[in-house]
Amino acid sequence: MTQYNTMELMISVASRELDNESSVGVGTGAPCAAAMLAQKLSAPDLLIMFEAGGISPQLPEMPISVGDSRTFYKAAMAGSMADTMEACSRGFVDYTFLGGAQIDKYGNLNSTVIGDHKKPKVRFPGSGGANDFASFCWKMMVITPQNSKRFVEKLDFLTTPGWLDGGNSRAESGLPVGAGPYKIITDMAIMDFEPDSKRMRVISIHPGKTFEDVQENCGFELLKAPVIENTIPPSDEELRLLREEIDPTGVIIGR
């Protein structure tokens, strides 16, 4: 097996979650690389949607923004943000990838501020389309490095809804039943959410890591799946596609 880094591992793992003939709302960076890898390898009929309106492109190379002209290459539609968000709100989008400065045990995200909202220590860009994607796409995933400052017991600000307070709270809020956080992919493990409590739990651990490593780098108690698997490393073909076709300059995978 060819050597790989954690970003290549996270992107490869994420790409395997995308089913053929499904749809995914992505931004740039690692989520876009995961969608491109899936489209080239395991899901040739994956429908990729960008926030700025590129719908079902056949991406020739990595775009640098959601409005990059490459996001419209051989696309089914060169639409607008309104078209993409309308597709989400009508329940047409299966997957989405999001991120943030903080995530809690229920998959809620903060991409707004660290500290008090009126006088924050750090101010971030805010929601953009993240709230719409998380509210209406059926399965929300996160690709992120893991540490206890990012995985926190309580968010400083709720930008994007996950399972809210757990249990049935998301459905009771009026958001679509059955939609919500699906998988969290970090540089240490893969997590999902326990079906009843909706608390984050570890389902797979990456090579060279232990559950203790994962828990030590998390600011809240993680649950354990009945069977915790070992994450399958990137294949030689996944690495070749990432390095030669998707991100040959290493902007995302950072070789």
Protein backbone atom coordinates (compact mmCIF):
# COMPACT_ATOMS: atom_id res chain seq x y z
CA MET A 1 0.00 0.00 0.00
CA THR A 2 1.30 3.43 -0.98
CA GLN A 3 1.87 5.84 1.90
CA TYR A 4 -0.89 8.40 2.41
CA ASN A 5 -1.61 11.36 4.64
CA THR A 6 -4.66 12.02 6.84
CA MET A 7 -6.31 14.35 4.32
CA GLU A 8 -6.10 11.69 1.61
CA LEU A 9 -7.58 9.19 4.06
CA MET A 10 -10.48 11.48 5.03
CA ILE A 11 -11.31 12.32 1.41
CA SER A 12 -11.21 8.66 0.37
CA VAL A 13 -13.45 7.62 3.27
CA ALA A 14 -15.92 10.40 2.49
CA SER A 15 -16.08 9.51 -1.20
CA ARG A 16 -17.12 5.95 -0.39
CA GLU A 17 -20.24 7.25 1.37
CA LEU A 18 -21.62 8.77 -1.85
CA ASP A 19 -23.92 6.36 -3.66
CA ASN A 20 -24.18 6.25 -7.42
CA GLU A 21 -27.22 8.11 -8.82
CA SER A 22 -27.45 10.17 -5.61
CA SER A 23 -27.06 13.94 -5.30
CA VAL A 24 -24.63 15.93 -3.15
CA GLY A 25 -24.32 19.61 -2.30
CA VAL A 26 -20.66 20.58 -1.91
CA GLY A 27 -18.37 23.55 -1.48
CA THR A 28 -14.72 23.67 -2.41
CA GLY A 29 -11.84 21.90 -0.68
CA ALA A 30 -12.04 18.39 0.74
CA PRO A 31 -15.81 17.91 0.10
CA CYS A 32 -15.35 18.76 -3.57
CA ALA A 33 -12.37 16.39 -3.80
CA ALA A 34 -14.47 13.62 -2.22
CA ALA A 35 -17.30 14.18 -4.70
CA MET A 36 -14.88 14.23 -7.64
CA LEU A 37 -13.22 11.02 -6.44
CA ALA A 38 -16.60 9.30 -6.12
CA GLN A 39 -17.62 10.49 -9.58
CA LYS A 40 -14.41 9.16 -11.13
CA LEU A 41 -14.32 5.84 -9.29
CA SER A 42 -17.45 4.47 -7.68
CA ALA A 43 -20.35 6.79 -8.52
CA PRO A 44 -20.11 7.93 -12.18
CA ASP A 45 -23.71 9.16 -12.11
CA LEU A 46 -23.31 11.18 -8.92
CA LEU A 47 -25.07 14.54 -9.29
CA ILE A 48 -22.91 17.29 -7.81
CA MET A 49 -24.46 20.64 -6.87
CA PHE A 50 -22.65 23.84 -5.94
CA GLU A 51 -24.08 26.62 -3.80
CA ALA A 52 -23.57 29.21 -6.55
CA GLY A 53 -25.68 27.25 -9.02
CA GLY A 54 -23.56 24.74 -10.91
CA ILE A 55 -25.74 21.63 -11.13
CA SER A 56 -24.42 18.24 -12.29
CA PRO A 57 -21.06 19.29 -13.77
CA GLN A 58 -18.41 16.83 -14.94
CA LEU A 59 -15.57 18.54 -13.09
CA PRO A 60 -12.38 18.61 -15.17
CA GLU A 61 -10.19 19.72 -12.25
CA MET A 62 -10.47 21.21 -8.78
CA PRO A 63 -12.41 24.52 -8.74
CA ILE A 64 -11.10 27.27 -6.46
CA SER A 65 -14.53 28.56 -5.42
CA VAL A 66 -18.20 27.63 -5.62
CA GLY A 67 -18.58 30.22 -8.39
CA ASP A 68 -15.57 29.05 -10.42
CA SER A 69 -16.46 28.51 -14.09
CA ARG A 70 -15.29 24.90 -13.75
CA THR A 71 -18.32 24.21 -11.52
CA PHE A 72 -20.46 24.67 -14.67
CA TYR A 73 -18.33 22.47 -16.97
CA LYS A 74 -20.64 20.16 -18.98
CA ALA A 75 -23.28 20.85 -16.32
CA ALA A 76 -26.94 20.01 -16.70
CA MET A 77 -27.75 23.53 -15.54
CA ALA A 78 -25.89 26.79 -14.94
CA GLY A 79 -28.29 28.06 -12.31
CA SER A 80 -28.12 30.33 -9.32
CA MET A 81 -27.95 30.04 -5.54
CA ALA A 82 -31.75 30.18 -5.50
CA ASP A 83 -31.94 27.09 -7.75
CA THR A 84 -29.61 25.07 -5.52
CA MET A 85 -31.32 26.10 -2.29
CA GLU A 86 -34.75 25.44 -3.78
CA ALA A 87 -33.62 21.92 -4.70
CA CYS A 88 -32.54 21.38 -1.10
CA SER A 89 -35.76 22.71 0.40
CA ARG A 90 -37.82 20.51 -1.94
CA GLY A 91 -35.97 17.41 -0.68
CA PHE A 92 -34.03 16.69 -3.87
CA VAL A 93 -30.51 16.61 -2.35
CA ASP A 94 -29.33 13.42 -0.66
CA TYR A 95 -25.97 14.42 0.84
CA THR A 96 -24.10 17.53 1.85
CA PHE A 97 -20.71 18.27 3.43
CA LEU A 98 -20.33 21.03 6.01
CA GLY A 99 -17.78 22.23 8.53
CA GLY A 100 -17.29 24.75 11.28
CA ALA A 101 -15.13 26.01 14.10
CA GLN A 102 -17.06 23.94 16.65
CA ILE A 103 -19.21 20.82 16.65
CA ASP A 104 -21.07 19.31 19.60
CA LYS A 105 -22.25 15.81 20.53
CA TYR A 106 -25.44 16.20 18.48
CA GLY A 107 -23.70 17.41 15.32
CA ASN A 108 -24.69 21.07 15.72
CA LEU A 109 -22.15 23.42 14.14
CA ASN A 110 -20.77 26.88 14.91
CA SER A 111 -19.20 28.86 12.09
CA THR A 112 -20.07 32.32 13.45
CA VAL A 113 -18.07 33.35 16.53
CA ILE A 114 -15.83 32.14 19.33
CA GLY A 115 -16.75 33.86 22.58
CA ASP A 116 -19.63 36.26 23.23
CA HIS A 117 -21.55 37.18 20.07
CA LYS A 118 -21.47 40.91 20.87
CA LYS A 119 -17.75 40.94 21.66
CA PRO A 120 -16.29 37.77 20.13
CA LYS A 121 -12.71 36.63 20.44
CA VAL A 122 -12.90 35.49 16.81
CA ARG A 123 -15.56 36.20 14.19
CA PHE A 124 -16.03 33.75 11.31
CA PRO A 125 -17.91 34.13 7.99
CA GLY A 126 -21.17 32.76 9.40
CA SER A 127 -23.65 30.41 7.78
CA GLY A 128 -23.56 31.15 4.07
CA GLY A 129 -25.69 28.31 2.75
CA ALA A 130 -24.76 25.91 5.57
CA ASN A 131 -28.01 26.29 7.49
CA ASP A 132 -30.07 25.55 4.36
CA PHE A 133 -27.93 22.55 3.44
CA ALA A 134 -28.05 21.09 6.96
CA SER A 135 -31.76 21.78 7.39
CA PHE A 136 -32.99 20.23 4.15
CA CYS A 137 -30.42 17.80 2.69
CA TRP A 138 -31.12 14.28 3.89
CA LYS A 139 -27.65 13.30 5.09
CA MET A 140 -25.17 15.87 6.37
CA MET A 141 -21.49 14.91 6.69
CA VAL A 142 -18.50 16.72 8.14
CA ILE A 143 -14.83 16.29 7.22
CA THR A 144 -12.64 17.86 9.89
CA PRO A 145 -9.47 17.48 11.95
CA GLN A 146 -10.27 16.39 15.48
CA ASN A 147 -9.30 18.14 18.71
CA SER A 148 -11.01 19.09 21.97
CA LYS A 149 -11.25 22.79 21.00
CA ARG A 150 -13.27 21.90 17.90
CA PHE A 151 -15.33 19.06 19.43
CA VAL A 152 -16.96 20.86 22.36
CA GLU A 153 -19.58 20.18 25.02
CA LYS A 154 -21.40 23.44 24.26
CA LEU A 155 -21.20 25.65 21.18
CA ASP A 156 -20.44 29.34 21.57
CA PHE A 157 -23.06 29.97 18.88
CA LEU A 158 -25.47 27.70 17.00
CA THR A 159 -25.05 28.46 13.30
CA THR A 160 -26.18 25.20 11.73
CA PRO A 161 -28.62 22.66 13.17
CA GLY A 162 -27.61 19.10 13.76
CA TRP A 163 -29.81 16.94 15.96
CA LEU A 164 -30.34 20.06 18.15
CA ASP A 165 -30.86 18.72 21.72
CA GLY A 166 -30.95 15.07 20.66
CA GLY A 167 -33.84 12.64 20.70
CA ASN A 168 -36.81 13.95 18.69
CA SER A 169 -35.93 17.62 19.14
CA ARG A 170 -34.96 18.16 15.51
CA ALA A 171 -38.25 16.80 14.16
CA GLU A 172 -40.18 18.71 16.83
CA SER A 173 -38.53 21.93 15.65
CA GLY A 174 -40.28 21.53 12.30
CA LEU A 175 -37.30 20.39 10.23
CA PRO A 176 -37.88 17.47 7.83
CA VAL A 177 -38.22 14.10 9.55
CA GLY A 178 -35.36 11.79 8.63
CA ALA A 179 -32.91 14.52 7.62
CA GLY A 180 -29.88 15.33 9.77
CA PRO A 181 -26.24 14.61 10.57
CA TYR A 182 -25.06 11.31 9.12
CA LYS A 183 -21.28 10.81 9.38
CA ILE A 184 -18.42 12.77 10.94
CA ILE A 185 -15.07 11.94 9.34
CA THR A 186 -11.98 13.10 11.20
CA ASP A 187 -8.26 12.43 11.01
CA MET A 188 -8.74 9.79 13.74
CA ALA A 189 -12.07 8.07 13.27
CA ILE A 190 -15.50 7.90 11.68
CA MET A 191 -18.52 8.73 13.83
CA ASP A 192 -22.26 8.44 13.33
CA PHE A 193 -25.15 9.16 15.71
CA GLU A 194 -26.89 6.70 18.02
CA PRO A 195 -30.42 6.29 16.61
CA ASP A 196 -32.42 7.11 19.77
CA SER A 197 -30.35 9.68 21.67
CA LYS A 198 -28.75 11.12 18.49
CA ARG A 199 -25.44 11.37 20.35
CA MET A 200 -22.21 11.04 18.43
CA ARG A 201 -20.62 7.59 18.53
CA VAL A 202 -17.47 6.03 17.13
CA ILE A 203 -18.05 3.41 14.44
CA SER A 204 -14.57 3.09 12.89
CA ILE A 205 -11.03 3.96 13.96
CA HIS A 206 -8.25 4.85 11.54
CA PRO A 207 -5.00 2.88 11.30
CA GLY A 208 -2.58 3.68 14.10
CA LYS A 209 -5.25 5.18 16.37
CA THR A 210 -7.15 3.83 19.39
CA PHE A 211 -10.48 4.72 20.94
CA GLU A 212 -8.54 6.36 23.77
CA ASP A 213 -6.80 8.64 21.23
CA VAL A 214 -10.16 9.62 19.76
CA GLN A 215 -11.74 10.31 23.17
CA GLU A 216 -8.73 12.29 24.39
CA ASN A 217 -9.14 14.66 21.44
CA CYS A 218 -12.84 15.25 22.05
CA GLY A 219 -14.41 17.69 24.52
CA PHE A 220 -17.40 15.46 25.31
CA GLU A 221 -18.00 11.77 26.00
CA LEU A 222 -18.23 9.71 22.84
CA LEU A 223 -20.44 6.65 22.58
CA LYS A 224 -19.18 3.38 21.13
CA ALA A 225 -20.93 1.41 18.41
CA PRO A 226 -21.57 -2.27 19.29
CA VAL A 227 -18.82 -3.17 16.81
CA ILE A 228 -16.08 -0.66 16.03
CA GLU A 229 -14.45 -1.33 12.69
CA ASN A 230 -10.98 -0.56 11.39
CA THR A 231 -11.03 2.11 8.68
CA ILE A 232 -9.92 0.84 5.28
CA PRO A 233 -6.97 2.95 4.06
CA PRO A 234 -7.01 4.64 0.64
CA SER A 235 -6.46 2.25 -2.24
CA ASP A 236 -3.70 2.78 -4.78
CA GLU A 237 -6.33 3.82 -7.32
CA GLU A 238 -7.92 6.34 -4.96
CA LEU A 239 -4.49 7.85 -4.30
CA ARG A 240 -3.62 7.93 -7.99
CA LEU A 241 -6.81 9.77 -8.87
CA LEU A 242 -6.37 12.25 -6.03
CA ARG A 243 -2.73 12.96 -6.84
CA GLU A 244 -2.75 12.86 -10.63
CA GLU A 245 -6.22 14.00 -11.72
CA ILE A 246 -8.11 15.70 -8.91
CA ASP A 247 -5.47 17.69 -7.02
CA PRO A 248 -2.14 17.34 -8.85
CA THR A 249 -0.74 20.52 -7.29
CA GLY A 250 -1.54 19.32 -3.77
CA VAL A 251 -3.59 22.36 -2.79
CA ILE A 252 -6.11 20.24 -0.86
CA ILE A 253 -4.32 17.00 -0.10
CA GLY A 254 -1.14 18.91 0.79
CA ARG A 255 1.48 16.39 -0.23
